């Protein structure tokens, strides 16, 4: 059965692009444009991986991540953002992993490689 990935991004083009790339790789993908819809989906379904945009208009990716940590500490997460990650946030991700961080814009290959790496646990968290 295909791995199920949740993608949260408020930019429709980015959400559609990530979804298309991952579906071509054989993954099942559910996309959401708000933090609240993402949290609701996480309450009702299990995902193998969650990809979170950091900057969202309603609930930030960091806040969704904190919700995930409280409800499913083993959930694998990849953050995507136009902002570089601060040393403090990087340390937080290392502490609360498994998590990855990709800076936008990124090319298809980088996304696919990071997804495969985190889903197959080939990276030390």
Protein backbone atom coordinates (compact mmCIF):
# COMPACT_ATOMS: atom_id res chain seq x y z
CA UNK A 1 0.00 0.00 0.00
CA UNK A 2 1.27 3.47 -0.90
CA UNK A 3 2.55 5.72 1.87
CA UNK A 4 0.08 8.51 2.71
CA UNK A 5 1.47 12.04 2.91
CA UNK A 6 -0.31 15.14 4.20
CA UNK A 7 0.81 18.45 2.66
CA UNK A 8 -0.12 21.82 4.19
CA UNK A 9 0.50 24.98 2.15
CA UNK A 10 -1.62 28.10 1.71
CA UNK A 11 -0.27 28.75 -1.80
CA UNK A 12 -2.50 26.74 -4.19
CA UNK A 13 0.24 26.48 -6.82
CA UNK A 14 2.79 25.15 -4.32
CA UNK A 15 0.29 22.71 -2.84
CA UNK A 16 -0.63 21.40 -6.30
CA UNK A 17 3.03 21.17 -7.35
CA UNK A 18 4.12 19.19 -4.29
CA UNK A 19 1.09 16.94 -4.61
CA UNK A 20 1.78 16.26 -8.29
CA UNK A 21 5.47 15.48 -7.73
CA UNK A 22 4.76 13.06 -4.87
CA UNK A 23 1.87 11.34 -6.63
CA UNK A 24 4.14 10.70 -9.63
CA UNK A 25 6.46 8.93 -7.18
CA UNK A 26 3.62 6.64 -6.13
CA UNK A 27 2.58 8.28 -2.86
CA UNK A 28 -1.01 9.02 -1.79
CA UNK A 29 -1.23 12.73 -1.02
CA UNK A 30 -3.85 14.78 0.84
CA UNK A 31 -3.44 18.55 0.61
CA UNK A 32 -4.79 21.26 2.90
CA UNK A 33 -4.60 25.06 2.62
CA UNK A 34 -5.05 25.94 6.29
CA UNK A 35 -3.57 24.92 9.59
CA UNK A 36 -7.01 24.17 11.04
CA UNK A 37 -7.93 21.78 8.21
CA UNK A 38 -4.56 20.10 8.68
CA UNK A 39 -5.14 19.61 12.42
CA UNK A 40 -8.63 18.27 11.72
CA UNK A 41 -7.22 15.77 9.20
CA UNK A 42 -4.54 14.67 11.68
CA UNK A 43 -7.25 13.96 14.26
CA UNK A 44 -9.19 11.68 11.91
CA UNK A 45 -6.51 9.95 9.81
CA UNK A 46 -3.02 8.51 10.06
CA UNK A 47 -0.30 9.80 7.76
CA UNK A 48 3.15 8.36 7.12
CA UNK A 49 4.58 11.86 6.64
CA UNK A 50 3.40 15.44 7.15
CA UNK A 51 4.83 18.31 5.08
CA UNK A 52 4.18 21.71 6.67
CA UNK A 53 4.57 25.20 5.28
CA UNK A 54 5.88 27.33 8.14
CA UNK A 55 4.12 30.60 7.28
CA UNK A 56 0.35 30.15 7.17
CA UNK A 57 -2.43 32.73 7.52
CA UNK A 58 -4.33 30.99 10.32
CA UNK A 59 -2.21 28.50 12.29
CA UNK A 60 1.54 28.43 11.59
CA UNK A 61 3.43 25.30 10.64
CA UNK A 62 5.28 25.54 13.96
CA UNK A 63 1.97 25.54 15.85
CA UNK A 64 0.73 22.54 13.86
CA UNK A 65 4.07 20.85 14.63
CA UNK A 66 3.54 21.51 18.35
CA UNK A 67 0.06 19.97 18.09
CA UNK A 68 1.59 16.92 16.39
CA UNK A 69 4.21 16.58 19.13
CA UNK A 70 1.46 16.55 21.77
CA UNK A 71 -0.63 13.92 19.98
CA UNK A 72 1.84 11.77 18.03
CA UNK A 73 5.47 12.24 19.01
CA UNK A 74 6.67 9.75 16.36
CA UNK A 75 5.02 11.52 13.40
CA UNK A 76 7.54 12.25 10.66
CA UNK A 77 7.51 15.89 9.54
CA UNK A 78 9.15 17.97 6.82
CA UNK A 79 8.95 21.76 7.01
CA UNK A 80 9.07 23.92 3.89
CA UNK A 81 9.63 27.67 4.06
CA UNK A 82 11.05 30.63 2.19
CA UNK A 83 12.92 31.51 5.38
CA UNK A 84 16.16 29.85 6.40
CA UNK A 85 15.94 27.97 9.68
CA UNK A 86 17.40 29.64 12.75
CA UNK A 87 19.93 27.78 14.90
CA UNK A 88 17.37 27.69 17.73
CA UNK A 89 14.69 26.12 15.52
CA UNK A 90 17.20 23.65 14.09
CA UNK A 91 18.08 22.54 17.62
CA UNK A 92 14.36 22.21 18.42
CA UNK A 93 13.85 20.00 15.35
CA UNK A 94 16.79 17.83 16.35
CA UNK A 95 15.39 17.53 19.87
CA UNK A 96 11.84 16.76 18.82
CA UNK A 97 12.54 14.94 15.52
CA UNK A 98 11.91 13.11 13.30
CA UNK A 99 11.79 16.25 11.21
CA UNK A 100 13.45 17.82 8.17
CA UNK A 101 13.57 21.36 6.81
CA UNK A 102 13.59 22.39 3.13
CA UNK A 103 13.99 26.00 2.03
CA UNK A 104 11.79 27.24 -0.84
CA UNK A 105 12.27 27.32 -3.72
CA UNK A 106 13.47 23.75 -3.98
CA UNK A 107 13.70 21.49 -6.96
CA UNK A 108 11.72 18.30 -7.41
CA UNK A 109 14.73 16.06 -6.80
CA UNK A 110 15.49 17.60 -3.41
CA UNK A 111 11.89 17.11 -2.27
CA UNK A 112 11.69 13.51 -3.50
CA UNK A 113 15.06 12.59 -1.97
CA UNK A 114 14.15 14.07 1.44
CA UNK A 115 10.75 12.35 1.42
CA UNK A 116 12.31 8.99 0.56
CA UNK A 117 15.04 9.49 3.16
CA UNK A 118 12.68 10.29 6.02
CA UNK A 119 10.15 7.59 5.08
CA UNK A 120 12.83 4.91 4.96
CA UNK A 121 14.57 6.17 8.12
CA UNK A 122 17.90 6.49 6.28
CA UNK A 123 18.69 9.70 8.11
CA UNK A 124 19.77 9.94 11.71
CA UNK A 125 17.16 12.01 13.43
